[in-house]
Amino acid sequence: MKYIDGFVAAVPTRNQKEYLEHARLAAEIFRKNGALSVVECWGNDVPEGKLTSFPLAVQRKPDETVVFSWITWASKQARDAGMKKFMEDPRVKDMQMPFDGQRLIYGGFEVILTA
């Protein structure tokens, strides 16, 4: 059964280019360490909610854009091993996030349906 790591973050809109460069490098390292795919999405129709929403969840500021991304792994075991190798990669130690990592939301998910 496949396994997904999902992420939602608020990125300063002016940092789109830097974010994409960051994401490309991270994707390269994830793929090298077993990820089947990496998808990055730049929000362009992400409504503000009153109780819940992506913007509320990441405390988006007016000059920020919500990004939504996920990594597909063959299994949770492949993810655990791949994530460990990712964190040990020397390029990760020097990686600067072009957004506030404290407002990053992430989690691991077991796939229960693919249609």
Protein backbone atom coordinates (compact mmCIF):
# COMPACT_ATOMS: atom_id res chain seq x y z
CA MET A 1 0.00 0.00 0.00
CA LYS A 2 1.42 3.39 -0.98
CA TYR A 3 2.16 6.06 1.60
CA ILE A 4 1.85 9.85 1.27
CA ASP A 5 3.60 12.68 3.10
CA GLY A 6 1.45 15.81 2.77
CA PHE A 7 2.45 19.43 3.35
CA VAL A 8 0.72 22.83 3.47
CA ALA A 9 2.66 26.07 3.95
CA ALA A 10 2.40 29.82 3.46
CA VAL A 11 5.14 31.18 1.21
CA PRO A 12 5.85 34.87 0.65
CA THR A 13 4.50 35.42 -2.87
CA ARG A 14 7.68 37.27 -3.84
CA ASN A 15 9.63 34.04 -3.02
CA GLN A 16 7.95 31.85 -5.64
CA LYS A 17 11.16 31.43 -7.64
CA GLU A 18 13.21 30.62 -4.53
CA TYR A 19 10.53 28.21 -3.34
CA LEU A 20 10.56 26.38 -6.67
CA GLU A 21 14.37 26.09 -6.55
CA HIS A 22 14.13 24.77 -2.97
CA ALA A 23 11.40 22.31 -4.00
CA ARG A 24 13.37 21.04 -7.02
CA LEU A 25 16.42 20.30 -4.88
CA ALA A 26 14.33 18.62 -2.18
CA ALA A 27 12.49 16.55 -4.81
CA GLU A 28 15.80 15.42 -6.30
CA ILE A 29 16.99 14.24 -2.89
CA PHE A 30 13.66 12.58 -2.04
CA ARG A 31 13.60 10.74 -5.41
CA LYS A 32 17.22 9.62 -4.91
CA ASN A 33 16.15 8.13 -1.59
CA GLY A 34 13.09 6.21 -2.71
CA ALA A 35 10.22 8.64 -3.29
CA LEU A 36 8.07 7.60 -6.23
CA SER A 37 6.94 11.15 -6.97
CA VAL A 38 6.92 14.67 -5.56
CA VAL A 39 4.15 17.16 -6.40
CA GLU A 40 4.26 20.89 -5.61
CA CYS A 41 1.20 23.13 -6.06
CA TRP A 42 1.09 26.96 -5.89
CA GLY A 43 -2.34 28.14 -4.72
CA ASN A 44 -4.38 30.38 -7.00
CA ASP A 45 -7.93 29.64 -5.78
CA VAL A 46 -7.64 29.04 -2.03
CA PRO A 47 -10.59 30.66 -0.28
CA GLU A 48 -10.40 32.15 3.19
CA GLY A 49 -12.65 30.29 5.61
CA LYS A 50 -14.40 31.38 8.78
CA LEU A 51 -13.78 28.23 10.83
CA THR A 52 -11.33 26.20 8.75
CA SER A 53 -9.35 26.70 5.57
CA PHE A 54 -5.84 26.33 4.22
CA PRO A 55 -5.11 30.05 4.78
CA LEU A 56 -6.30 29.84 8.40
CA ALA A 57 -4.38 26.64 9.06
CA VAL A 58 -1.04 28.17 8.02
CA GLN A 59 -1.84 31.67 9.28
CA ARG A 60 -1.37 33.08 5.78
CA LYS A 61 -0.50 36.75 5.63
CA PRO A 62 -1.77 39.07 2.85
CA ASP A 63 1.55 38.90 0.97
CA GLU A 64 1.75 35.09 1.07
CA THR A 65 0.50 32.22 -1.10
CA VAL A 66 -0.60 28.81 0.17
CA VAL A 67 1.33 25.86 -1.24
CA PHE A 68 0.16 22.28 -1.11
CA SER A 69 2.51 19.41 -1.80
CA TRP A 70 2.88 15.69 -1.36
CA ILE A 71 5.43 12.93 -1.71
CA THR A 72 4.40 9.42 -2.74
CA TRP A 73 6.32 6.47 -1.31
CA ALA A 74 5.94 2.73 -1.91
CA SER A 75 5.17 2.17 1.80
CA LYS A 76 5.57 3.72 5.23
CA GLN A 77 8.74 1.68 5.68
CA ALA A 78 10.14 3.12 2.43
CA ARG A 79 9.17 6.60 3.64
CA ASP A 80 10.82 6.14 7.03
CA ALA A 81 14.06 4.92 5.42
CA GLY A 82 13.97 7.57 2.68
CA MET A 83 13.24 10.41 5.09
CA LYS A 84 16.15 9.32 7.29
CA LYS A 85 18.49 9.35 4.28
CA PHE A 86 17.06 12.71 3.19
CA MET A 87 17.84 14.26 6.57
CA GLU A 88 21.40 12.86 6.44
CA ASP A 89 22.11 14.32 2.97
CA PRO A 90 24.69 17.12 3.31
CA ARG A 91 22.71 19.35 0.94
CA VAL A 92 19.81 19.37 3.41
CA LYS A 93 21.98 20.75 6.21
CA ASP A 94 22.63 23.90 4.13
CA MET A 95 19.07 24.19 2.80
CA GLN A 96 17.36 27.51 3.57
CA MET A 97 13.57 27.42 3.55
CA PRO A 98 12.10 30.43 1.68
CA PHE A 99 9.11 30.43 4.06
CA ASP A 100 8.30 30.24 7.77
CA GLY A 101 8.80 26.58 8.65
CA GLN A 102 7.02 27.03 11.98
CA ARG A 103 3.74 27.40 10.08
CA LEU A 104 4.33 24.32 7.91
CA ILE A 105 1.70 21.63 8.38
CA TYR A 106 2.69 18.09 7.51
CA GLY A 107 1.69 14.51 8.12
CA GLY A 108 1.95 10.96 6.84
CA PHE A 109 -1.06 9.21 5.32
CA GLU A 110 -1.83 5.64 4.33
CA VAL A 111 -3.58 5.50 0.96
CA ILE A 112 -6.99 3.86 1.38
CA LEU A 113 -8.48 4.64 -2.03
CA THR A 114 -7.18 5.49 -5.47
CA ALA A 115 -9.87 5.99 -8.12
